[in-house]
Structures are given as C-alpha cells and as structure tokens.
Amino acid sequence: MQTRRARLDRLGLPALVAIALGACRGEPAPRYGQAMHEIGRRFEVLGRAAAAGRYELARYELDELNEVVEHDLPRAQAPQVGDLVGAAASLRDMRLALGRLDADLKHPEPGQVRSSFALTAKACNACHASLAHGFIEIPQELGGTVPRTDAGSLVRDDP
C-alpha cells in the first residue's frame, strides 16, 4: 500500500496537465474554487492546531489537505488566467513544502513547524500571484485566518 507522500510524488507533470486542462475521471469535476476553499480551511485549522501544540490535529488536517491536493485539484478546471507555468512551479514548491511540513509534524519542533508552514504559505501565495489571484493571501504565521483579510502585506523574503 502506497503512502500519501508516494502518491503525491507520482503526480508530477500529469497532475499539472490535468490542472491546466481540467481533466475529469468519470466523476463530476470539483470546482477549482471549492477545492481551494477546502485547502484554505484545512490549512487554517492546521496552523491554529500547530500554534496550540495540537500536532495530532494538525497532522489530520494535513492528511485531509493532501487528499484534496491529490484527488480533487487535478480534476478541477483551473483559472484560465495568468502564468500557468509559474503556477505549476509554485505547485511543485508547495508539494515539497507540504512534505517537509508532514515530516516536521511527525516529530514536532515548534521552530521547524513554523518554518515549514511559512514555506508552504509562500508557495501558495506565489501560485495565487501566478494565476492573477495575488489578492488571496495565505498567512505565513501559525494561527492566522485563511485567506488574510487584514490590511497587512505578506510580501517578505524570510519565513
């Protein structure tokens, strides 16, 4: 039986093509916004749980988030605006960051979890910017709301 991580690693280029083309595998395709909303909600709860030291809950939310990334996102019709190549690169970065976050949540060191969370958020924000949705900002700090709705800016270079 393959692990979720192994299945995520297999996605690679075929997943990016499916995202770009909105491929459907016999089931009704989820709406892209619906999949993004669930990813955002789960990322927010993950961050709040990790901030409170509830790592088991954070790991559960990460598993559920990865399931949406693996199963729903490749079948959804992606926005047909912006830089799809840049979005694909950001998606690869996000998947790598999610893998690091997964490892850090299994043996949590608060500083490492914060760093991995921030890297994941940066990749999400880069993808949003590539798809002309840069106004949808994901907080890099544990415990913030997704998306950010305050007046602050997330433009930073450090995690």
N, C-alpha and C. Protein backbone atom coordinates (compact mmCIF):
# COMPACT_ATOMS: atom_id res chain seq x y z
N MET A 1 0.84 -1.18 0.00
CA MET A 1 0.00 0.00 0.00
C MET A 1 0.88 1.24 0.00
N GLN A 2 0.64 2.14 -0.93
CA GLN A 2 1.45 3.33 -1.04
C GLN A 2 1.05 4.38 -0.02
N THR A 3 2.02 5.14 0.43
CA THR A 3 1.72 6.24 1.34
C THR A 3 1.18 7.42 0.55
N ARG A 4 0.55 8.33 1.26
CA ARG A 4 0.06 9.55 0.60
C ARG A 4 1.20 10.30 -0.06
N ARG A 5 2.36 10.34 0.61
CA ARG A 5 3.51 11.06 0.08
C ARG A 5 3.94 10.45 -1.25
N ALA A 6 3.97 9.10 -1.32
CA ALA A 6 4.36 8.44 -2.56
C ALA A 6 3.37 8.77 -3.67
N ARG A 7 2.09 8.79 -3.34
CA ARG A 7 1.09 9.13 -4.35
C ARG A 7 1.24 10.58 -4.79
N LEU A 8 1.56 11.47 -3.86
CA LEU A 8 1.77 12.87 -4.23
C LEU A 8 2.99 13.01 -5.14
N ASP A 9 4.07 12.27 -4.83
CA ASP A 9 5.26 12.34 -5.66
C ASP A 9 4.99 11.88 -7.08
N ARG A 10 4.07 10.93 -7.26
CA ARG A 10 3.75 10.42 -8.59
C ARG A 10 3.00 11.43 -9.43
N LEU A 11 2.34 12.39 -8.80
CA LEU A 11 1.50 13.33 -9.55
C LEU A 11 2.29 14.09 -10.60
N GLY A 12 3.35 14.75 -10.24
CA GLY A 12 4.23 15.44 -11.16
C GLY A 12 3.55 16.10 -12.34
N LEU A 13 4.12 15.93 -13.52
CA LEU A 13 3.66 16.57 -14.74
C LEU A 13 2.23 16.18 -15.12
N PRO A 14 1.82 14.91 -15.00
CA PRO A 14 0.43 14.59 -15.36
C PRO A 14 -0.59 15.39 -14.55
N ALA A 15 -0.31 15.63 -13.29
CA ALA A 15 -1.24 16.42 -12.47
C ALA A 15 -1.29 17.85 -12.96
N LEU A 16 -0.15 18.38 -13.34
CA LEU A 16 -0.13 19.76 -13.81
C LEU A 16 -0.89 19.90 -15.12
N VAL A 17 -0.75 18.92 -15.99
CA VAL A 17 -1.51 18.93 -17.25
C VAL A 17 -3.00 18.83 -16.95
N ALA A 18 -3.36 17.94 -16.02
CA ALA A 18 -4.77 17.79 -15.66
C ALA A 18 -5.33 19.07 -15.07
N ILE A 19 -4.54 19.74 -14.24
CA ILE A 19 -5.00 21.00 -13.67
C ILE A 19 -5.22 22.02 -14.79
N ALA A 20 -4.26 22.11 -15.69
CA ALA A 20 -4.37 23.08 -16.77
C ALA A 20 -5.54 22.79 -17.69
N LEU A 21 -5.83 21.54 -17.92
CA LEU A 21 -6.89 21.18 -18.86
C LEU A 21 -8.23 20.88 -18.19
N GLY A 22 -8.24 20.79 -16.87
CA GLY A 22 -9.49 20.49 -16.16
C GLY A 22 -9.98 19.08 -16.43
N ALA A 23 -9.07 18.12 -16.45
CA ALA A 23 -9.45 16.74 -16.76
C ALA A 23 -10.41 16.18 -15.72
N CYS A 24 -11.26 15.26 -16.18
CA CYS A 24 -12.24 14.62 -15.30
C CYS A 24 -12.13 13.12 -15.50
N ARG A 25 -12.18 12.36 -14.40
CA ARG A 25 -12.03 10.91 -14.47
C ARG A 25 -13.35 10.19 -14.21
N GLY A 26 -14.40 10.55 -14.87
CA GLY A 26 -15.67 9.85 -14.72
C GLY A 26 -16.54 10.38 -13.60
N GLU A 27 -15.99 11.10 -12.66
CA GLU A 27 -16.76 11.73 -11.60
C GLU A 27 -16.96 13.19 -11.99
N PRO A 28 -18.00 13.81 -11.45
CA PRO A 28 -18.12 15.24 -11.73
C PRO A 28 -16.88 15.96 -11.19
N ALA A 29 -16.33 16.83 -11.99
CA ALA A 29 -15.15 17.56 -11.57
C ALA A 29 -15.52 18.56 -10.49
N PRO A 30 -14.71 18.64 -9.46
CA PRO A 30 -14.96 19.66 -8.44
C PRO A 30 -14.67 21.04 -9.02
N ARG A 31 -15.29 22.03 -8.48
CA ARG A 31 -14.97 23.40 -8.86
C ARG A 31 -13.61 23.75 -8.27
N TYR A 32 -12.81 24.46 -9.01
CA TYR A 32 -11.47 24.83 -8.55
C TYR A 32 -11.57 25.65 -7.27
N GLY A 33 -12.48 26.62 -7.25
CA GLY A 33 -12.65 27.45 -6.07
C GLY A 33 -13.07 26.65 -4.86
N GLN A 34 -13.90 25.64 -5.07
CA GLN A 34 -14.34 24.78 -3.97
C GLN A 34 -13.14 24.01 -3.40
N ALA A 35 -12.30 23.46 -4.27
CA ALA A 35 -11.12 22.74 -3.81
C ALA A 35 -10.17 23.70 -3.07
N MET A 36 -9.97 24.89 -3.62
CA MET A 36 -9.10 25.88 -2.98
C MET A 36 -9.66 26.28 -1.61
N HIS A 37 -10.97 26.43 -1.52
CA HIS A 37 -11.60 26.81 -0.26
C HIS A 37 -11.33 25.73 0.80
N GLU A 38 -11.47 24.46 0.42
CA GLU A 38 -11.22 23.40 1.39
C GLU A 38 -9.75 23.36 1.78
N ILE A 39 -8.85 23.54 0.82
CA ILE A 39 -7.42 23.57 1.14
C ILE A 39 -7.14 24.71 2.12
N GLY A 40 -7.71 25.88 1.85
CA GLY A 40 -7.50 27.02 2.73
C GLY A 40 -8.04 26.79 4.13
N ARG A 41 -9.24 26.22 4.22
CA ARG A 41 -9.84 25.96 5.53
C ARG A 41 -8.99 24.98 6.31
N ARG A 42 -8.55 23.93 5.65
CA ARG A 42 -7.75 22.92 6.34
C ARG A 42 -6.37 23.48 6.72
N PHE A 43 -5.80 24.34 5.88
CA PHE A 43 -4.51 24.95 6.20
C PHE A 43 -4.65 25.88 7.41
N GLU A 44 -5.76 26.60 7.47
CA GLU A 44 -6.01 27.47 8.62
C GLU A 44 -6.12 26.65 9.91
N VAL A 45 -6.92 25.59 9.90
CA VAL A 45 -7.09 24.76 11.10
C VAL A 45 -5.75 24.10 11.46
N LEU A 46 -5.00 23.65 10.47
CA LEU A 46 -3.68 23.08 10.71
C LEU A 46 -2.81 24.09 11.44
N GLY A 47 -2.79 25.32 10.96
CA GLY A 47 -1.97 26.36 11.58
C GLY A 47 -2.41 26.69 13.00
N ARG A 48 -3.71 26.75 13.21
CA ARG A 48 -4.23 27.04 14.56
C ARG A 48 -3.90 25.88 15.51
N ALA A 49 -4.04 24.66 15.02
CA ALA A 49 -3.73 23.49 15.85
C ALA A 49 -2.24 23.46 16.20
N ALA A 50 -1.39 23.69 15.22
CA ALA A 50 0.06 23.67 15.47
C ALA A 50 0.45 24.79 16.43
N ALA A 51 -0.16 25.96 16.29
CA ALA A 51 0.13 27.07 17.19
C ALA A 51 -0.21 26.71 18.64
N ALA A 52 -1.24 25.89 18.81
CA ALA A 52 -1.67 25.47 20.15
C ALA A 52 -0.96 24.21 20.62
N GLY A 53 -0.04 23.68 19.81
CA GLY A 53 0.66 22.45 20.18
C GLY A 53 -0.17 21.19 19.99
N ARG A 54 -1.26 21.28 19.24
CA ARG A 54 -2.12 20.12 18.98
C ARG A 54 -1.70 19.48 17.66
N TYR A 55 -0.55 18.84 17.70
CA TYR A 55 0.08 18.33 16.48
C TYR A 55 -0.69 17.17 15.87
N GLU A 56 -1.37 16.37 16.66
CA GLU A 56 -2.16 15.27 16.10
C GLU A 56 -3.28 15.83 15.21
N LEU A 57 -3.95 16.87 15.68
CA LEU A 57 -4.98 17.51 14.87
C LEU A 57 -4.36 18.16 13.63
N ALA A 58 -3.21 18.78 13.80
CA ALA A 58 -2.53 19.40 12.65
C ALA A 58 -2.19 18.35 11.60
N ARG A 59 -1.70 17.17 12.04
CA ARG A 59 -1.38 16.09 11.09
C ARG A 59 -2.63 15.59 10.37
N TYR A 60 -3.73 15.48 11.11
CA TYR A 60 -5.00 15.06 10.50
C TYR A 60 -5.41 16.05 9.41
N GLU A 61 -5.36 17.34 9.72
CA GLU A 61 -5.75 18.35 8.73
C GLU A 61 -4.81 18.32 7.53
N LEU A 62 -3.53 18.07 7.76
CA LEU A 62 -2.59 17.98 6.65
C LEU A 62 -2.90 16.78 5.77
N ASP A 63 -3.24 15.65 6.37
CA ASP A 63 -3.62 14.47 5.57
C ASP A 63 -4.84 14.78 4.71
N GLU A 64 -5.83 15.43 5.29
CA GLU A 64 -7.04 15.78 4.55
C GLU A 64 -6.73 16.80 3.44
N LEU A 65 -5.88 17.76 3.74
CA LEU A 65 -5.47 18.76 2.75
C LEU A 65 -4.77 18.07 1.58
N ASN A 66 -3.85 17.16 1.89
CA ASN A 66 -3.13 16.43 0.83
C ASN A 66 -4.09 15.62 -0.03
N GLU A 67 -5.15 15.09 0.57
CA GLU A 67 -6.13 14.34 -0.20
C GLU A 67 -6.82 15.23 -1.22
N VAL A 68 -7.14 16.45 -0.85
CA VAL A 68 -7.75 17.39 -1.79
C VAL A 68 -6.76 17.75 -2.89
N VAL A 69 -5.49 17.99 -2.50
CA VAL A 69 -4.45 18.32 -3.49
C VAL A 69 -4.26 17.16 -4.46
N GLU A 70 -4.29 15.94 -3.94
CA GLU A 70 -4.04 14.75 -4.76
C GLU A 70 -5.24 14.35 -5.61
N HIS A 71 -6.43 14.41 -5.05
CA HIS A 71 -7.60 13.86 -5.72
C HIS A 71 -8.46 14.92 -6.43
N ASP A 72 -8.76 15.99 -5.76
CA ASP A 72 -9.71 16.96 -6.32
C ASP A 72 -9.06 18.00 -7.22
N LEU A 73 -7.94 18.56 -6.79
CA LEU A 73 -7.32 19.64 -7.55
C LEU A 73 -6.94 19.24 -8.97
N PRO A 74 -6.38 18.05 -9.19
CA PRO A 74 -6.04 17.68 -10.58
C PRO A 74 -7.25 17.55 -11.50
N ARG A 75 -8.43 17.33 -10.95
CA ARG A 75 -9.62 17.17 -11.78
C ARG A 75 -10.39 18.47 -11.97
N ALA A 76 -10.04 19.51 -11.24
CA ALA A 76 -10.77 20.77 -11.30
C ALA A 76 -10.27 21.64 -12.46
N GLN A 77 -11.16 22.43 -12.99
CA GLN A 77 -10.81 23.37 -14.06
C GLN A 77 -10.08 24.56 -13.43
N ALA A 78 -8.81 24.70 -13.76
CA ALA A 78 -8.01 25.80 -13.20
C ALA A 78 -8.42 27.12 -13.83
N PRO A 79 -8.18 28.21 -13.12
CA PRO A 79 -8.43 29.53 -13.73
C PRO A 79 -7.65 29.64 -15.03
N GLN A 80 -8.25 30.21 -16.02
CA GLN A 80 -7.61 30.32 -17.33
C GLN A 80 -7.00 31.71 -17.52
N VAL A 81 -6.41 32.21 -16.46
CA VAL A 81 -5.73 33.50 -16.50
C VAL A 81 -4.36 33.33 -15.86
N GLY A 82 -3.47 34.23 -16.19
CA GLY A 82 -2.18 34.23 -15.54
C GLY A 82 -1.17 33.30 -16.17
N ASP A 83 -0.15 33.01 -15.42
CA ASP A 83 1.00 32.24 -15.85
C ASP A 83 0.88 30.81 -15.34
N LEU A 84 0.40 29.90 -16.19
CA LEU A 84 0.22 28.51 -15.78
C LEU A 84 1.54 27.80 -15.51
N VAL A 85 2.59 28.19 -16.21
CA VAL A 85 3.90 27.59 -15.96
C VAL A 85 4.40 28.00 -14.58
N GLY A 86 4.24 29.27 -14.24
CA GLY A 86 4.61 29.75 -12.91
C GLY A 86 3.78 29.08 -11.83
N ALA A 87 2.49 28.90 -12.09
CA ALA A 87 1.61 28.24 -11.13
C ALA A 87 2.05 26.79 -10.93
N ALA A 88 2.43 26.12 -12.01
CA ALA A 88 2.89 24.73 -11.90
C ALA A 88 4.16 24.64 -11.06
N ALA A 89 5.08 25.58 -11.25
CA ALA A 89 6.31 25.60 -10.45
C ALA A 89 5.97 25.85 -8.97
N SER A 90 5.04 26.74 -8.72
CA SER A 90 4.63 27.02 -7.34
C SER A 90 3.95 25.81 -6.72
N LEU A 91 3.18 25.08 -7.52
CA LEU A 91 2.52 23.87 -7.02
C LEU A 91 3.56 22.82 -6.64
N ARG A 92 4.61 22.69 -7.44
CA ARG A 92 5.70 21.76 -7.09
C ARG A 92 6.35 22.19 -5.78
N ASP A 93 6.60 23.49 -5.64
CA ASP A 93 7.19 24.00 -4.40
C ASP A 93 6.27 23.74 -3.21
N MET A 94 4.96 23.92 -3.42
CA MET A 94 4.01 23.68 -2.35
C MET A 94 4.03 22.21 -1.93
N ARG A 95 4.05 21.31 -2.90
CA ARG A 95 4.08 19.87 -2.59
C ARG A 95 5.33 19.51 -1.80
N LEU A 96 6.48 20.08 -2.17
CA LEU A 96 7.71 19.84 -1.42
C LEU A 96 7.60 20.38 0.01
N ALA A 97 7.06 21.58 0.14
CA ALA A 97 6.89 22.19 1.46
C ALA A 97 5.90 21.38 2.30
N LEU A 98 4.84 20.87 1.68
CA LEU A 98 3.89 20.04 2.42
C LEU A 98 4.56 18.76 2.92
N GLY A 99 5.45 18.19 2.13
CA GLY A 99 6.19 17.01 2.57
C GLY A 99 7.08 17.32 3.76
N ARG A 100 7.73 18.46 3.71
CA ARG A 100 8.57 18.88 4.84
C ARG A 100 7.71 19.13 6.08
N LEU A 101 6.56 19.79 5.87
CA LEU A 101 5.65 20.06 6.98
C LEU A 101 5.16 18.76 7.60
N ASP A 102 4.86 17.78 6.75
CA ASP A 102 4.42 16.47 7.24
C ASP A 102 5.49 15.85 8.13
N ALA A 103 6.73 15.86 7.67
CA ALA A 103 7.83 15.30 8.46
C ALA A 103 8.00 16.06 9.77
N ASP A 104 7.90 17.38 9.71
CA ASP A 104 8.07 18.19 10.92
C ASP A 104 6.94 17.98 11.92
N LEU A 105 5.74 17.72 11.44
CA LEU A 105 4.62 17.48 12.35
C LEU A 105 4.69 16.10 13.00
N LYS A 106 5.40 15.17 12.39
CA LYS A 106 5.55 13.83 12.98
C LYS A 106 6.50 13.86 14.18
N HIS A 107 7.48 14.75 14.14
CA HIS A 107 8.45 14.92 15.23
C HIS A 107 8.57 16.43 15.47
N PRO A 108 7.53 17.02 16.06
CA PRO A 108 7.43 18.48 16.09
C PRO A 108 8.48 19.19 16.95
N GLU A 109 9.13 20.11 16.31
CA GLU A 109 9.95 21.13 16.95
C GLU A 109 9.27 22.43 16.52
N PRO A 110 8.76 23.22 17.46
CA PRO A 110 7.97 24.40 17.08
C PRO A 110 8.60 25.29 16.03
N GLY A 111 9.90 25.54 16.12
CA GLY A 111 10.55 26.40 15.12
C GLY A 111 10.54 25.79 13.73
N GLN A 112 10.74 24.49 13.65
CA GLN A 112 10.72 23.80 12.35
C GLN A 112 9.32 23.78 11.77
N VAL A 113 8.32 23.54 12.60
CA VAL A 113 6.93 23.54 12.12
C VAL A 113 6.59 24.93 11.58
N ARG A 114 6.96 25.97 12.32
CA ARG A 114 6.69 27.35 11.85
C ARG A 114 7.36 27.61 10.51
N SER A 115 8.60 27.17 10.38
CA SER A 115 9.35 27.39 9.14
C SER A 115 8.70 26.65 7.96
N SER A 116 8.33 25.40 8.16
CA SER A 116 7.70 24.62 7.08
C SER A 116 6.33 25.19 6.73
N PHE A 117 5.60 25.63 7.72
CA PHE A 117 4.29 26.25 7.48
C PHE A 117 4.48 27.51 6.63
N ALA A 118 5.47 28.33 7.00
CA ALA A 118 5.72 29.57 6.25
C ALA A 118 6.13 29.27 4.81
N LEU A 119 6.97 28.26 4.60
CA LEU A 119 7.38 27.91 3.23
C LEU A 119 6.18 27.45 2.40
N THR A 120 5.28 26.70 3.02
CA THR A 120 4.08 26.25 2.31
C THR A 120 3.23 27.44 1.94
N ALA A 121 3.03 28.35 2.88
CA ALA A 121 2.22 29.55 2.61
C ALA A 121 2.83 30.39 1.50
N LYS A 122 4.17 30.52 1.50
CA LYS A 122 4.84 31.30 0.45
C LYS A 122 4.59 30.68 -0.92
N ALA A 123 4.63 29.35 -1.00
CA ALA A 123 4.37 28.67 -2.28
C ALA A 123 2.92 28.89 -2.71
N CYS A 124 2.00 28.81 -1.77
CA CYS A 124 0.59 29.08 -2.09
C CYS A 124 0.43 30.50 -2.63
N ASN A 125 1.04 31.46 -1.96
CA ASN A 125 0.94 32.85 -2.38
C ASN A 125 1.56 33.07 -3.75
N ALA A 126 2.67 32.39 -4.03
CA ALA A 126 3.30 32.51 -5.35
C ALA A 126 2.39 31.97 -6.44
N CYS A 127 1.71 30.86 -6.15
CA CYS A 127 0.77 30.28 -7.12
C CYS A 127 -0.39 31.23 -7.36
N HIS A 128 -0.93 31.79 -6.28
CA HIS A 128 -2.03 32.74 -6.42
C HIS A 128 -1.60 33.92 -7.28
N ALA A 129 -0.40 34.43 -7.03
CA ALA A 129 0.10 35.56 -7.82
C ALA A 129 0.24 35.17 -9.29
N SER A 130 0.73 33.95 -9.55
CA SER A 130 0.89 33.48 -10.94
C SER A 130 -0.44 33.42 -11.67
N LEU A 131 -1.50 33.09 -10.95
CA LEU A 131 -2.82 32.95 -11.57
C LEU A 131 -3.66 34.22 -11.47
N ALA A 132 -3.01 35.36 -11.26
CA ALA A 132 -3.68 36.66 -11.17
C ALA A 132 -4.67 36.72 -10.01
N HIS A 133 -4.37 35.97 -8.94
CA HIS A 133 -5.18 35.99 -7.73
C HIS A 133 -4.31 36.32 -6.52
N GLY A 134 -3.33 37.19 -6.71
CA GLY A 134 -2.41 37.55 -5.64
C GLY A 134 -3.09 38.20 -4.46
N PHE A 135 -4.30 38.67 -4.66
CA PHE A 135 -5.06 39.27 -3.56
C PHE A 135 -5.52 38.22 -2.55
N ILE A 136 -5.45 36.94 -2.91
CA ILE A 136 -5.76 35.86 -1.97
C ILE A 136 -4.46 35.51 -1.27
N GLU A 137 -4.28 36.05 -0.07
CA GLU A 137 -3.03 35.89 0.66
C GLU A 137 -3.19 34.89 1.79
N ILE A 138 -2.23 33.99 1.88
CA ILE A 138 -2.20 32.98 2.94
C ILE A 138 -1.19 33.45 3.99
N PRO A 139 -1.57 33.45 5.26
CA PRO A 139 -0.64 33.91 6.29
C PRO A 139 0.53 32.95 6.45
N GLN A 140 1.70 33.51 6.67
CA GLN A 140 2.89 32.69 6.89
C GLN A 140 3.06 32.34 8.35
N GLU A 141 2.29 32.95 9.22
CA GLU A 141 2.38 32.70 10.65
C GLU A 141 1.33 31.68 11.06
N LEU A 142 1.68 30.82 11.99
CA LEU A 142 0.73 29.85 12.54
C LEU A 142 -0.42 30.61 13.21
N GLY A 143 -1.64 30.12 13.00
CA GLY A 143 -2.79 30.65 13.70
C GLY A 143 -3.57 31.74 12.99
N GLY A 144 -3.12 32.19 11.83
CA GLY A 144 -3.81 33.24 11.11
C GLY A 144 -5.00 32.72 10.33
N THR A 145 -5.87 33.64 9.92
CA THR A 145 -7.02 33.25 9.11
C THR A 145 -6.63 33.10 7.65
N VAL A 146 -7.29 32.20 6.97
CA VAL A 146 -7.05 31.93 5.55
C VAL A 146 -8.34 32.20 4.80
N PRO A 147 -8.31 33.12 3.83
CA PRO A 147 -7.21 34.00 3.47
C PRO A 147 -7.11 35.17 4.44
N ARG A 148 -5.97 35.86 4.37
CA ARG A 148 -5.82 37.06 5.20
C ARG A 148 -6.83 38.08 4.73
N THR A 149 -7.45 38.72 5.68
CA THR A 149 -8.41 39.78 5.35
C THR A 149 -8.04 41.10 6.00
N ASP A 150 -6.89 41.13 6.71
CA ASP A 150 -6.45 42.38 7.32
C ASP A 150 -5.75 43.25 6.28
N ALA A 151 -5.32 44.42 6.70
CA ALA A 151 -4.69 45.37 5.78
C ALA A 151 -3.21 45.12 5.60
N GLY A 152 -2.63 44.20 6.35
CA GLY A 152 -1.20 43.94 6.28
C GLY A 152 -0.78 43.30 4.98
N SER A 153 0.50 43.38 4.71
CA SER A 153 1.05 42.78 3.49
C SER A 153 1.88 41.56 3.86
N LEU A 154 1.84 40.56 3.00
CA LEU A 154 2.63 39.35 3.21
C LEU A 154 3.94 39.36 2.45
N VAL A 155 4.25 40.44 1.80
CA VAL A 155 5.45 40.46 0.96
C VAL A 155 6.67 40.52 1.86
N ARG A 156 7.33 39.33 2.00
CA ARG A 156 8.52 39.17 2.83
C ARG A 156 9.40 38.10 2.20
N ASP A 157 10.65 38.18 2.50
CA ASP A 157 11.56 37.16 1.99
C ASP A 157 11.90 36.09 3.00
N ASP A 158 11.69 36.37 4.29
CA ASP A 158 12.07 35.39 5.30
C ASP A 158 10.85 34.63 5.79
N PRO A 159 11.02 33.32 6.09
CA PRO A 159 9.87 32.52 6.56
C PRO A 159 9.52 32.84 7.99
